[in-house]
Amino acid sequence: MDWYSWVKALHVISVLAWMSGMMYLPRLFVYHAEAPVGSEKSETFKVMERRLYRGITTPAMIATWLFGLIMLWQGAFDWSMAWSWIKVGSVLALSGVHGFFGRLLKDFAADGNTRPHTFFRMINELPFVLAIIIVVMVIVRPF
């Protein structure tokens, strides 16, 4: 059995779950920012955001990193090529965005959000842009 193919498949599955959460969470923030503080709607968004972040998005990120590091350990990257560095930099940036979303989640949980819904509409695009860069680097390897 080709265990490396299994690791790669699990990595892709983890990435899909991580990216799903990373694209949905800021959309929840958009709606939450529009809800009155203390309202039933606001409290419902708190539960949805926490469950998404802690129950799906963060475990998927950890699995993505785990399977990615296993592939890295097996020599999946050619470090002499720029695409490898750009891909790793983009994954680090995506992990930073994940952490930033966690900070925003804490602000909402404490009823301390001061940002307008338009801010969350803009940052909603960050994970997708980074995903595009990562996929192009891995599949096309332009550099």
C-alpha atoms as a PDB file:
ATOM      1  CA  MET A   1       0.000   0.000   0.000  1.00  0.00           C
ATOM      2  CA  ASP A   2       1.281   3.454  -0.907  1.00  0.00           C
ATOM      3  CA  TRP A   3       1.115   5.265   2.448  1.00  0.00           C
ATOM      4  CA  TYR A   4       2.404   8.529   0.948  1.00  0.00           C
ATOM      5  CA  SER A   5      -0.707   8.738  -1.265  1.00  0.00           C
ATOM      6  CA  TRP A   6      -2.849   8.287   1.850  1.00  0.00           C
ATOM      7  CA  VAL A   7      -0.992  11.087   3.623  1.00  0.00           C
ATOM      8  CA  LYS A   8      -1.430  13.345   0.600  1.00  0.00           C
ATOM      9  CA  ALA A   9      -5.156  12.513   0.382  1.00  0.00           C
ATOM     10  CA  LEU A  10      -5.624  13.223   4.095  1.00  0.00           C
ATOM     11  CA  HIS A  11      -3.717  16.488   3.638  1.00  0.00           C
ATOM     12  CA  VAL A  12      -6.052  17.587   0.830  1.00  0.00           C
ATOM     13  CA  ILE A  13      -9.137  16.596   2.852  1.00  0.00           C
ATOM     14  CA  SER A  14      -7.824  18.575   5.822  1.00  0.00           C
ATOM     15  CA  VAL A  15      -7.142  21.593   3.610  1.00  0.00           C
ATOM     16  CA  LEU A  16     -10.702  21.452   2.266  1.00  0.00           C
ATOM     17  CA  ALA A  17     -12.143  21.414   5.788  1.00  0.00           C
ATOM     18  CA  TRP A  18      -9.799  24.200   6.943  1.00  0.00           C
ATOM     19  CA  MET A  19     -10.591  26.416   3.971  1.00  0.00           C
ATOM     20  CA  SER A  20     -14.328  25.826   4.366  1.00  0.00           C
ATOM     21  CA  GLY A  21     -14.146  27.106   7.917  1.00  0.00           C
ATOM     22  CA  MET A  22     -11.834  29.975   6.983  1.00  0.00           C
ATOM     23  CA  MET A  23     -14.263  31.174   4.330  1.00  0.00           C
ATOM     24  CA  TYR A  24     -17.428  30.708   6.380  1.00  0.00           C
ATOM     25  CA  LEU A  25     -16.241  32.231   9.670  1.00  0.00           C
ATOM     26  CA  PRO A  26     -15.813  35.804   8.380  1.00  0.00           C
ATOM     27  CA  ARG A  27     -19.245  35.514   6.732  1.00  0.00           C
ATOM     28  CA  LEU A  28     -20.663  34.723  10.179  1.00  0.00           C
ATOM     29  CA  PHE A  29     -18.773  37.755  11.484  1.00  0.00           C
ATOM     30  CA  VAL A  30     -20.507  39.922   8.848  1.00  0.00           C
ATOM     31  CA  TYR A  31     -23.931  38.883  10.114  1.00  0.00           C
ATOM     32  CA  HIS A  32     -22.852  39.017  13.750  1.00  0.00           C
ATOM     33  CA  ALA A  33     -21.572  42.585  13.352  1.00  0.00           C
ATOM     34  CA  GLU A  34     -25.035  43.564  12.104  1.00  0.00           C
ATOM     35  CA  ALA A  35     -26.830  41.913  15.064  1.00  0.00           C
ATOM     36  CA  PRO A  36     -27.584  43.977  18.173  1.00  0.00           C
ATOM     37  CA  VAL A  37     -25.308  43.152  21.127  1.00  0.00           C
ATOM     38  CA  GLY A  38     -27.048  40.852  23.592  1.00  0.00           C
ATOM     39  CA  SER A  39     -29.772  39.859  21.159  1.00  0.00           C
ATOM     40  CA  GLU A  40     -30.783  36.251  20.643  1.00  0.00           C
ATOM     41  CA  LYS A  41     -29.315  36.487  17.149  1.00  0.00           C
ATOM     42  CA  SER A  42     -25.971  37.680  18.512  1.00  0.00           C
ATOM     43  CA  GLU A  43     -25.871  34.876  21.074  1.00  0.00           C
ATOM     44  CA  THR A  44     -26.642  32.313  18.356  1.00  0.00           C
ATOM     45  CA  PHE A  45     -23.770  33.627  16.235  1.00  0.00           C
ATOM     46  CA  LYS A  46     -21.413  33.286  19.208  1.00  0.00           C
ATOM     47  CA  VAL A  47     -22.249  29.590  19.475  1.00  0.00           C
ATOM     48  CA  MET A  48     -21.962  29.022  15.709  1.00  0.00           C
ATOM     49  CA  GLU A  49     -18.620  30.838  15.485  1.00  0.00           C
ATOM     50  CA  ARG A  50     -17.128  29.040  18.480  1.00  0.00           C
ATOM     51  CA  ARG A  51     -18.210  25.608  17.252  1.00  0.00           C
ATOM     52  CA  LEU A  52     -16.949  26.267  13.732  1.00  0.00           C
ATOM     53  CA  TYR A  53     -13.589  27.623  14.899  1.00  0.00           C
ATOM     54  CA  ARG A  54     -12.888  25.126  17.676  1.00  0.00           C
ATOM     55  CA  GLY A  55     -14.690  22.078  16.338  1.00  0.00           C
ATOM     56  CA  ILE A  56     -13.827  22.172  12.647  1.00  0.00           C
ATOM     57  CA  THR A  57     -11.469  24.918  11.521  1.00  0.00           C
ATOM     58  CA  THR A  58      -8.729  24.563  14.143  1.00  0.00           C
ATOM     59  CA  PRO A  59      -8.603  20.735  14.116  1.00  0.00           C
ATOM     60  CA  ALA A  60      -8.517  20.860  10.293  1.00  0.00           C
ATOM     61  CA  MET A  61      -5.635  23.345  10.397  1.00  0.00           C
ATOM     62  CA  ILE A  62      -3.721  21.102  12.793  1.00  0.00           C
ATOM     63  CA  ALA A  63      -4.324  18.073  10.556  1.00  0.00           C
ATOM     64  CA  THR A  64      -3.273  20.082   7.489  1.00  0.00           C
ATOM     65  CA  TRP A  65      -0.015  21.035   9.171  1.00  0.00           C
ATOM     66  CA  LEU A  66       0.573  17.486  10.439  1.00  0.00           C
ATOM     67  CA  PHE A  67       0.087  15.825   7.055  1.00  0.00           C
ATOM     68  CA  GLY A  68       1.958  18.632   5.296  1.00  0.00           C
ATOM     69  CA  LEU A  69       4.944  18.245   7.609  1.00  0.00           C
ATOM     70  CA  ILE A  70       4.938  14.480   7.015  1.00  0.00           C
ATOM     71  CA  MET A  71       5.080  15.121   3.260  1.00  0.00           C
ATOM     72  CA  LEU A  72       7.793  17.714   3.805  1.00  0.00           C
ATOM     73  CA  TRP A  73       9.767  15.197   5.841  1.00  0.00           C
ATOM     74  CA  GLN A  74       9.429  12.746   2.940  1.00  0.00           C
ATOM     75  CA  GLY A  75      10.966  15.243   0.515  1.00  0.00           C
ATOM     76  CA  ALA A  76       7.849  16.601  -1.193  1.00  0.00           C
ATOM     77  CA  PHE A  77       9.482  19.993  -1.769  1.00  0.00           C
ATOM     78  CA  ASP A  78      12.343  21.127  -3.939  1.00  0.00           C
ATOM     79  CA  TRP A  79      13.755  23.936  -1.805  1.00  0.00           C
ATOM     80  CA  SER A  80      15.790  25.262  -4.730  1.00  0.00           C
ATOM     81  CA  MET A  81      12.547  26.320  -6.446  1.00  0.00           C
ATOM     82  CA  ALA A  82      10.783  29.569  -5.548  1.00  0.00           C
ATOM     83  CA  TRP A  83       7.321  27.946  -5.622  1.00  0.00           C
ATOM     84  CA  SER A  84       8.157  25.956  -2.478  1.00  0.00           C
ATOM     85  CA  TRP A  85       9.040  29.081  -0.550  1.00  0.00           C
ATOM     86  CA  ILE A  86       6.009  31.004  -1.804  1.00  0.00           C
ATOM     87  CA  LYS A  87       3.730  28.099  -0.887  1.00  0.00           C
ATOM     88  CA  VAL A  88       5.161  27.793   2.624  1.00  0.00           C
ATOM     89  CA  GLY A  89       4.987  31.568   3.087  1.00  0.00           C
ATOM     90  CA  SER A  90       1.355  31.548   1.998  1.00  0.00           C
ATOM     91  CA  VAL A  91       0.526  28.705   4.403  1.00  0.00           C
ATOM     92  CA  LEU A  92       2.189  30.654   7.217  1.00  0.00           C
ATOM     93  CA  ALA A  93       0.145  33.726   6.222  1.00  0.00           C
ATOM     94  CA  LEU A  94      -3.041  31.635   6.183  1.00  0.00           C
ATOM     95  CA  SER A  95      -2.174  30.339   9.654  1.00  0.00           C
ATOM     96  CA  GLY A  96      -1.733  33.944  10.774  1.00  0.00           C
ATOM     97  CA  VAL A  97      -5.156  34.814   9.356  1.00  0.00           C
ATOM     98  CA  HIS A  98      -6.531  31.826  11.279  1.00  0.00           C
ATOM     99  CA  GLY A  99      -5.084  33.254  14.486  1.00  0.00           C
ATOM    100  CA  PHE A 100      -6.474  36.703  13.647  1.00  0.00           C
ATOM    101  CA  PHE A 101      -9.931  35.164  13.157  1.00  0.00           C
ATOM    102  CA  GLY A 102      -9.540  33.585  16.596  1.00  0.00           C
ATOM    103  CA  ARG A 103      -8.835  37.044  18.049  1.00  0.00           C
ATOM    104  CA  LEU A 104     -11.942  38.418  16.324  1.00  0.00           C
ATOM    105  CA  LEU A 105     -13.967  35.516  17.689  1.00  0.00           C
ATOM    106  CA  LYS A 106     -12.868  36.430  21.221  1.00  0.00           C
ATOM    107  CA  ASP A 107     -13.912  40.046  20.627  1.00  0.00           C
ATOM    108  CA  PHE A 108     -17.385  38.944  19.548  1.00  0.00           C
ATOM    109  CA  ALA A 109     -17.662  36.472  22.445  1.00  0.00           C
ATOM    110  CA  ALA A 110     -16.979  39.317  24.890  1.00  0.00           C
ATOM    111  CA  ASP A 111     -19.363  41.675  23.050  1.00  0.00           C
ATOM    112  CA  GLY A 112     -16.321  43.801  22.294  1.00  0.00           C
ATOM    113  CA  ASN A 113     -16.369  43.985  18.505  1.00  0.00           C
ATOM    114  CA  THR A 114     -15.874  47.541  17.245  1.00  0.00           C
ATOM    115  CA  ARG A 115     -15.487  46.790  13.547  1.00  0.00           C
ATOM    116  CA  PRO A 116     -18.270  47.346  10.995  1.00  0.00           C
ATOM    117  CA  HIS A 117     -19.713  44.544   8.882  1.00  0.00           C
ATOM    118  CA  THR A 118     -17.902  45.997   5.839  1.00  0.00           C
ATOM    119  CA  PHE A 119     -14.544  45.150   7.441  1.00  0.00           C
ATOM    120  CA  PHE A 120     -15.570  41.507   7.684  1.00  0.00           C
ATOM    121  CA  ARG A 121     -16.793  41.515   4.083  1.00  0.00           C
ATOM    122  CA  MET A 122     -13.299  42.585   2.997  1.00  0.00           C
ATOM    123  CA  ILE A 123     -11.344  40.090   5.096  1.00  0.00           C
ATOM    124  CA  ASN A 124     -13.665  37.339   3.892  1.00  0.00           C
ATOM    125  CA  GLU A 125     -11.550  37.292   0.721  1.00  0.00           C
ATOM    126  CA  LEU A 126      -8.160  36.785   2.416  1.00  0.00           C
ATOM    127  CA  PRO A 127      -8.314  32.995   2.835  1.00  0.00           C
ATOM    128  CA  PHE A 128      -9.479  32.503  -0.747  1.00  0.00           C
ATOM    129  CA  VAL A 129      -6.702  34.666  -2.194  1.00  0.00           C
ATOM    130  CA  LEU A 130      -4.118  32.744  -0.175  1.00  0.00           C
ATOM    131  CA  ALA A 131      -5.687  29.432  -1.275  1.00  0.00           C
ATOM    132  CA  ILE A 132      -5.379  30.483  -4.921  1.00  0.00           C
ATOM    133  CA  ILE A 133      -1.694  31.275  -4.447  1.00  0.00           C
ATOM    134  CA  ILE A 134      -1.070  27.965  -2.668  1.00  0.00           C
ATOM    135  CA  VAL A 135      -2.860  25.870  -5.295  1.00  0.00           C
ATOM    136  CA  VAL A 136      -1.101  27.618  -8.196  1.00  0.00           C
ATOM    137  CA  MET A 137       2.284  27.121  -6.534  1.00  0.00           C
ATOM    138  CA  VAL A 138       1.681  23.412  -5.919  1.00  0.00           C
ATOM    139  CA  ILE A 139       0.008  22.521  -9.225  1.00  0.00           C
ATOM    140  CA  VAL A 140       1.515  24.898 -11.781  1.00  0.00           C
ATOM    141  CA  ARG A 141       4.868  25.516 -10.070  1.00  0.00           C
ATOM    142  CA  PRO A 142       5.491  28.676 -12.092  1.00  0.00           C
ATOM    143  CA  PHE A 143       8.828  29.515 -10.453  1.00  0.00           C
END
